Amino acid sequence: MEKFKIKGEMIHLNQLLKILNWCENGAEANAIIEQGMIKVNGKPELRKRNKLTKGMIVTYQKKEVVIE
């Protein structure tokens, strides 16, 4: 499992996907979120700007990252 350290208290889901290079741009990030392809803590997440905080786990296909 990959780890991602945030600087502040939270990061938006669509921003995280771009930073991790799980998608090429914001439009693609929003599209895969809308399609229900992203899971947060094991549950499908449809909110593009969902606020992720420390301890949350984000999954996309066979990739997984924990927020630190």
PDB file of N, CA and C in Angstrom:
ATOM      1  N   MET A   1       0.840  -1.175   0.000  1.00  0.00           N
ATOM      2  CA  MET A   1       0.000   0.000   0.000  1.00  0.00           C
ATOM      3  C   MET A   1       0.892   1.248   0.000  1.00  0.00           C
ATOM      4  N   GLU A   2       0.556   2.152  -0.875  1.00  0.00           N
ATOM      5  CA  GLU A   2       1.272   3.423  -0.983  1.00  0.00           C
ATOM      6  C   GLU A   2       0.817   4.360   0.140  1.00  0.00           C
ATOM      7  N   LYS A   3       1.672   5.303   0.505  1.00  0.00           N
ATOM      8  CA  LYS A   3       1.329   6.294   1.526  1.00  0.00           C
ATOM      9  C   LYS A   3       1.450   7.682   0.915  1.00  0.00           C
ATOM     10  N   PHE A   4       0.536   8.579   1.310  1.00  0.00           N
ATOM     11  CA  PHE A   4       0.573   9.953   0.824  1.00  0.00           C
ATOM     12  C   PHE A   4       0.424  10.880   2.011  1.00  0.00           C
ATOM     13  N   LYS A   5       1.424  11.727   2.211  1.00  0.00           N
ATOM     14  CA  LYS A   5       1.416  12.649   3.352  1.00  0.00           C
ATOM     15  C   LYS A   5       0.836  13.995   2.909  1.00  0.00           C
ATOM     16  N   ILE A   6      -0.220  14.438   3.606  1.00  0.00           N
ATOM     17  CA  ILE A   6      -0.814  15.734   3.289  1.00  0.00           C
ATOM     18  C   ILE A   6      -0.171  16.805   4.161  1.00  0.00           C
ATOM     19  N   LYS A   7      -0.121  18.025   3.632  1.00  0.00           N
ATOM     20  CA  LYS A   7       0.501  19.138   4.356  1.00  0.00           C
ATOM     21  C   LYS A   7      -0.466  19.782   5.336  1.00  0.00           C
ATOM     22  N   GLY A   8      -1.724  19.887   4.941  1.00  0.00           N
ATOM     23  CA  GLY A   8      -2.719  20.517   5.797  1.00  0.00           C
ATOM     24  C   GLY A   8      -3.562  19.473   6.504  1.00  0.00           C
ATOM     25  N   GLU A   9      -4.809  19.841   6.778  1.00  0.00           N
ATOM     26  CA  GLU A   9      -5.717  18.929   7.467  1.00  0.00           C
ATOM     27  C   GLU A   9      -6.434  17.983   6.515  1.00  0.00           C
ATOM     28  N   MET A  10      -6.546  18.377   5.224  1.00  0.00           N
ATOM     29  CA  MET A  10      -7.280  17.546   4.274  1.00  0.00           C
ATOM     30  C   MET A  10      -6.826  17.831   2.853  1.00  0.00           C
ATOM     31  N   ILE A  11      -7.275  16.947   1.936  1.00  0.00           N
ATOM     32  CA  ILE A  11      -7.067  17.127   0.502  1.00  0.00           C
ATOM     33  C   ILE A  11      -8.330  16.643  -0.186  1.00  0.00           C
ATOM     34  N   HIS A  12      -8.717  17.302  -1.273  1.00  0.00           N
ATOM     35  CA  HIS A  12      -9.897  16.873  -2.023  1.00  0.00           C
ATOM     36  C   HIS A  12      -9.558  15.636  -2.856  1.00  0.00           C
ATOM     37  N   LEU A  13     -10.531  14.766  -2.994  1.00  0.00           N
ATOM     38  CA  LEU A  13     -10.338  13.503  -3.713  1.00  0.00           C
ATOM     39  C   LEU A  13      -9.825  13.722  -5.132  1.00  0.00           C
ATOM     40  N   ASN A  14     -10.452  14.620  -5.890  1.00  0.00           N
ATOM     41  CA  ASN A  14     -10.022  14.811  -7.282  1.00  0.00           C
ATOM     42  C   ASN A  14      -8.599  15.366  -7.363  1.00  0.00           C
ATOM     43  N   GLN A  15      -8.186  16.169  -6.395  1.00  0.00           N
ATOM     44  CA  GLN A  15      -6.806  16.667  -6.364  1.00  0.00           C
ATOM     45  C   GLN A  15      -5.821  15.523  -6.115  1.00  0.00           C
ATOM     46  N   LEU A  16      -6.185  14.648  -5.189  1.00  0.00           N
ATOM     47  CA  LEU A  16      -5.313  13.516  -4.876  1.00  0.00           C
ATOM     48  C   LEU A  16      -5.074  12.635  -6.097  1.00  0.00           C
ATOM     49  N   LEU A  17      -6.118  12.363  -6.850  1.00  0.00           N
ATOM     50  CA  LEU A  17      -5.986  11.504  -8.034  1.00  0.00           C
ATOM     51  C   LEU A  17      -5.020  12.105  -9.043  1.00  0.00           C
ATOM     52  N   LYS A  18      -5.055  13.427  -9.206  1.00  0.00           N
ATOM     53  CA  LYS A  18      -4.137  14.094 -10.133  1.00  0.00           C
ATOM     54  C   LYS A  18      -2.704  14.042  -9.604  1.00  0.00           C
ATOM     55  N   ILE A  19      -2.520  14.319  -8.313  1.00  0.00           N
ATOM     56  CA  ILE A  19      -1.180  14.328  -7.728  1.00  0.00           C
ATOM     57  C   ILE A  19      -0.521  12.946  -7.822  1.00  0.00           C
ATOM     58  N   LEU A  20      -1.314  11.902  -7.609  1.00  0.00           N
ATOM     59  CA  LEU A  20      -0.787  10.533  -7.657  1.00  0.00           C
ATOM     60  C   LEU A  20      -0.594  10.026  -9.083  1.00  0.00           C
ATOM     61  N   ASN A  21      -1.000  10.825 -10.062  1.00  0.00           N
ATOM     62  CA  ASN A  21      -0.944  10.441 -11.474  1.00  0.00           C
ATOM     63  C   ASN A  21      -1.805   9.219 -11.772  1.00  0.00           C
ATOM     64  N   TRP A  22      -2.899   9.084 -11.033  1.00  0.00           N
ATOM     65  CA  TRP A  22      -3.855   8.022 -11.315  1.00  0.00           C
ATOM     66  C   TRP A  22      -4.747   8.437 -12.478  1.00  0.00           C
ATOM     67  N   CYS A  23      -4.682   9.703 -12.861  1.00  0.00           N
ATOM     68  CA  CYS A  23      -5.395  10.229 -14.019  1.00  0.00           C
ATOM     69  C   CYS A  23      -4.560  11.372 -14.592  1.00  0.00           C
ATOM     70  N   GLU A  24      -4.868  11.767 -15.814  1.00  0.00           N
ATOM     71  CA  GLU A  24      -4.047  12.778 -16.482  1.00  0.00           C
ATOM     72  C   GLU A  24      -4.448  14.207 -16.156  1.00  0.00           C
ATOM     73  N   ASN A  25      -5.736  14.427 -15.856  1.00  0.00           N
ATOM     74  CA  ASN A  25      -6.186  15.788 -15.594  1.00  0.00           C
ATOM     75  C   ASN A  25      -7.441  15.778 -14.713  1.00  0.00           C
ATOM     76  N   GLY A  26      -7.909  16.972 -14.378  1.00  0.00           N
ATOM     77  CA  GLY A  26      -9.067  17.091 -13.502  1.00  0.00           C
ATOM     78  C   GLY A  26     -10.333  16.517 -14.097  1.00  0.00           C
ATOM     79  N   ALA A  27     -10.519  16.680 -15.401  1.00  0.00           N
ATOM     80  CA  ALA A  27     -11.719  16.151 -16.053  1.00  0.00           C
ATOM     81  C   ALA A  27     -11.756  14.626 -15.959  1.00  0.00           C
ATOM     82  N   GLU A  28     -10.619  14.001 -16.175  1.00  0.00           N
ATOM     83  CA  GLU A  28     -10.546  12.544 -16.070  1.00  0.00           C
ATOM     84  C   GLU A  28     -10.769  12.095 -14.630  1.00  0.00           C
ATOM     85  N   ALA A  29     -10.200  12.833 -13.679  1.00  0.00           N
ATOM     86  CA  ALA A  29     -10.398  12.516 -12.261  1.00  0.00           C
ATOM     87  C   ALA A  29     -11.877  12.567 -11.909  1.00  0.00           C
ATOM     88  N   ASN A  30     -12.543  13.621 -12.319  1.00  0.00           N
ATOM     89  CA  ASN A  30     -13.970  13.763 -12.030  1.00  0.00           C
ATOM     90  C   ASN A  30     -14.789  12.660 -12.695  1.00  0.00           C
ATOM     91  N   ALA A  31     -14.408  12.275 -13.904  1.00  0.00           N
ATOM     92  CA  ALA A  31     -15.142  11.230 -14.627  1.00  0.00           C
ATOM     93  C   ALA A  31     -15.042   9.883 -13.912  1.00  0.00           C
ATOM     94  N   ILE A  32     -13.851   9.503 -13.458  1.00  0.00           N
ATOM     95  CA  ILE A  32     -13.735   8.193 -12.807  1.00  0.00           C
ATOM     96  C   ILE A  32     -14.420   8.197 -11.440  1.00  0.00           C
ATOM     97  N   ILE A  33     -14.466   9.367 -10.800  1.00  0.00           N
ATOM     98  CA  ILE A  33     -15.201   9.468  -9.539  1.00  0.00           C
ATOM     99  C   ILE A  33     -16.697   9.315  -9.807  1.00  0.00           C
ATOM    100  N   GLU A  34     -17.217  10.026 -10.804  1.00  0.00           N
ATOM    101  CA  GLU A  34     -18.644   9.965 -11.147  1.00  0.00           C
ATOM    102  C   GLU A  34     -19.078   8.553 -11.536  1.00  0.00           C
ATOM    103  N   GLN A  35     -18.175   7.787 -12.126  1.00  0.00           N
ATOM    104  CA  GLN A  35     -18.487   6.421 -12.549  1.00  0.00           C
ATOM    105  C   GLN A  35     -18.432   5.422 -11.401  1.00  0.00           C
ATOM    106  N   GLY A  36     -18.080   5.895 -10.207  1.00  0.00           N
ATOM    107  CA  GLY A  36     -18.042   5.024  -9.043  1.00  0.00           C
ATOM    108  C   GLY A  36     -16.832   4.104  -9.003  1.00  0.00           C
ATOM    109  N   MET A  37     -15.761   4.490  -9.685  1.00  0.00           N
ATOM    110  CA  MET A  37     -14.578   3.641  -9.759  1.00  0.00           C
ATOM    111  C   MET A  37     -13.622   3.845  -8.585  1.00  0.00           C
ATOM    112  N   ILE A  38     -13.872   4.849  -7.763  1.00  0.00           N
ATOM    113  CA  ILE A  38     -13.011   5.159  -6.624  1.00  0.00           C
ATOM    114  C   ILE A  38     -13.695   4.710  -5.338  1.00  0.00           C
ATOM    115  N   LYS A  39     -12.936   4.102  -4.455  1.00  0.00           N
ATOM    116  CA  LYS A  39     -13.458   3.728  -3.143  1.00  0.00           C
ATOM    117  C   LYS A  39     -12.668   4.472  -2.068  1.00  0.00           C
ATOM    118  N   VAL A  40     -13.385   4.928  -1.066  1.00  0.00           N
ATOM    119  CA  VAL A  40     -12.759   5.545   0.097  1.00  0.00           C
ATOM    120  C   VAL A  40     -13.170   4.717   1.305  1.00  0.00           C
ATOM    121  N   ASN A  41     -12.183   4.198   1.995  1.00  0.00           N
ATOM    122  CA  ASN A  41     -12.425   3.305   3.136  1.00  0.00           C
ATOM    123  C   ASN A  41     -13.332   2.138   2.762  1.00  0.00           C
ATOM    124  N   GLY A  42     -13.141   1.610   1.538  1.00  0.00           N
ATOM    125  CA  GLY A  42     -13.858   0.427   1.089  1.00  0.00           C
ATOM    126  C   GLY A  42     -15.240   0.659   0.510  1.00  0.00           C
ATOM    127  N   LYS A  43     -15.699   1.924   0.465  1.00  0.00           N
ATOM    128  CA  LYS A  43     -17.035   2.225  -0.067  1.00  0.00           C
ATOM    129  C   LYS A  43     -16.919   3.134  -1.283  1.00  0.00           C
ATOM    130  N   PRO A  44     -17.740   2.899  -2.316  1.00  0.00           N
ATOM    131  CA  PRO A  44     -17.694   3.770  -3.497  1.00  0.00           C
ATOM    132  C   PRO A  44     -17.936   5.229  -3.108  1.00  0.00           C
ATOM    133  N   GLU A  45     -17.142   6.121  -3.698  1.00  0.00           N
ATOM    134  CA  GLU A  45     -17.250   7.550  -3.404  1.00  0.00           C
ATOM    135  C   GLU A  45     -17.572   8.311  -4.681  1.00  0.00           C
ATOM    136  N   LEU A  46     -18.665   9.082  -4.659  1.00  0.00           N
ATOM    137  CA  LEU A  46     -19.098   9.816  -5.838  1.00  0.00           C
ATOM    138  C   LEU A  46     -18.889  11.322  -5.707  1.00  0.00           C
ATOM    139  N   ARG A  47     -18.425  11.783  -4.556  1.00  0.00           N
ATOM    140  CA  ARG A  47     -18.204  13.222  -4.348  1.00  0.00           C
ATOM    141  C   ARG A  47     -16.796  13.590  -4.816  1.00  0.00           C
ATOM    142  N   LYS A  48     -16.724  14.442  -5.834  1.00  0.00           N
ATOM    143  CA  LYS A  48     -15.441  14.813  -6.429  1.00  0.00           C
ATOM    144  C   LYS A  48     -14.553  15.554  -5.440  1.00  0.00           C
ATOM    145  N   ARG A  49     -15.158  16.402  -4.639  1.00  0.00           N
ATOM    146  CA  ARG A  49     -14.388  17.216  -3.706  1.00  0.00           C
ATOM    147  C   ARG A  49     -14.513  16.693  -2.276  1.00  0.00           C
ATOM    148  N   ASN A  50     -14.685  15.390  -2.158  1.00  0.00           N
ATOM    149  CA  ASN A  50     -14.719  14.773  -0.833  1.00  0.00           C
ATOM    150  C   ASN A  50     -13.424  15.115  -0.106  1.00  0.00           C
ATOM    151  N   LYS A  51     -13.555  15.547   1.132  1.00  0.00           N
ATOM    152  CA  LYS A  51     -12.382  15.944   1.912  1.00  0.00           C
ATOM    153  C   LYS A  51     -11.771  14.720   2.575  1.00  0.00           C
ATOM    154  N   LEU A  52     -10.560  14.392   2.145  1.00  0.00           N
ATOM    155  CA  LEU A  52      -9.840  13.245   2.686  1.00  0.00           C
ATOM    156  C   LEU A  52      -8.932  13.714   3.814  1.00  0.00           C
ATOM    157  N   THR A  53      -8.957  12.985   4.918  1.00  0.00           N
ATOM    158  CA  THR A  53      -8.132  13.316   6.070  1.00  0.00           C
ATOM    159  C   THR A  53      -7.244  12.131   6.420  1.00  0.00           C
ATOM    160  N   LYS A  54      -6.349  12.348   7.363  1.00  0.00           N
ATOM    161  CA  LYS A  54      -5.396  11.312   7.755  1.00  0.00           C
ATOM    162  C   LYS A  54      -6.109  10.031   8.169  1.00  0.00           C
ATOM    163  N   GLY A  55      -5.562   8.910   7.723  1.00  0.00           N
ATOM    164  CA  GLY A  55      -6.107   7.607   8.063  1.00  0.00           C
ATOM    165  C   GLY A  55      -7.053   7.032   7.022  1.00  0.00           C
ATOM    166  N   MET A  56      -7.523   7.859   6.084  1.00  0.00           N
ATOM    167  CA  MET A  56      -8.436   7.362   5.051  1.00  0.00           C
ATOM    168  C   MET A  56      -7.653   6.586   3.995  1.00  0.00           C
ATOM    169  N   ILE A  57      -8.309   5.579   3.418  1.00  0.00           N
ATOM    170  CA  ILE A  57      -7.694   4.736   2.390  1.00  0.00           C
ATOM    171  C   ILE A  57      -8.480   4.910   1.093  1.00  0.00           C
ATOM    172  N   VAL A  58      -7.768   5.235   0.024  1.00  0.00           N
ATOM    173  CA  VAL A  58      -8.376   5.447  -1.294  1.00  0.00           C
ATOM    174  C   VAL A  58      -7.915   4.331  -2.212  1.00  0.00           C
ATOM    175  N   THR A  59      -8.878   3.735  -2.931  1.00  0.00           N
ATOM    176  CA  THR A  59      -8.588   2.614  -3.819  1.00  0.00           C
ATOM    177  C   THR A  59      -9.119   2.919  -5.223  1.00  0.00           C
ATOM    178  N   TYR A  60      -8.298   2.590  -6.235  1.00  0.00           N
ATOM    179  CA  TYR A  60      -8.700   2.715  -7.639  1.00  0.00           C
ATOM    180  C   TYR A  60      -8.045   1.565  -8.394  1.00  0.00           C
ATOM    181  N   GLN A  61      -8.865   0.726  -8.988  1.00  0.00           N
ATOM    182  CA  GLN A  61      -8.403  -0.481  -9.656  1.00  0.00           C
ATOM    183  C   GLN A  61      -7.564  -1.281  -8.675  1.00  0.00           C
ATOM    184  N   LYS A  62      -6.300  -1.549  -8.953  1.00  0.00           N
ATOM    185  CA  LYS A  62      -5.480  -2.330  -8.023  1.00  0.00           C
ATOM    186  C   LYS A  62      -4.533  -1.430  -7.229  1.00  0.00           C
ATOM    187  N   LYS A  63      -4.759  -0.114  -7.289  1.00  0.00           N
ATOM    188  CA  LYS A  63      -3.924   0.842  -6.569  1.00  0.00           C
ATOM    189  C   LYS A  63      -4.604   1.216  -5.256  1.00  0.00           C
ATOM    190  N   GLU A  64      -3.790   1.418  -4.225  1.00  0.00           N
ATOM    191  CA  GLU A  64      -4.334   1.773  -2.924  1.00  0.00           C
ATOM    192  C   GLU A  64      -3.366   2.727  -2.228  1.00  0.00           C
ATOM    193  N   VAL A  65      -3.915   3.762  -1.601  1.00  0.00           N
ATOM    194  CA  VAL A  65      -3.090   4.738  -0.895  1.00  0.00           C
ATOM    195  C   VAL A  65      -3.753   5.077   0.433  1.00  0.00           C
ATOM    196  N   VAL A  66      -2.927   5.237   1.463  1.00  0.00           N
ATOM    197  CA  VAL A  66      -3.422   5.677   2.760  1.00  0.00           C
ATOM    198  C   VAL A  66      -2.956   7.118   2.968  1.00  0.00           C
ATOM    199  N   ILE A  67      -3.829   7.958   3.470  1.00  0.00           N
ATOM    200  CA  ILE A  67      -3.524   9.359   3.712  1.00  0.00           C
ATOM    201  C   ILE A  67      -2.859   9.478   5.081  1.00  0.00           C
ATOM    202  N   GLU A  68      -1.722  10.151   5.111  1.00  0.00           N
ATOM    203  CA  GLU A  68      -0.995  10.364   6.366  1.00  0.00           C
ATOM    204  C   GLU A  68      -0.862  11.831   6.668  1.00  0.00           C
TER     205      GLU A  68
END
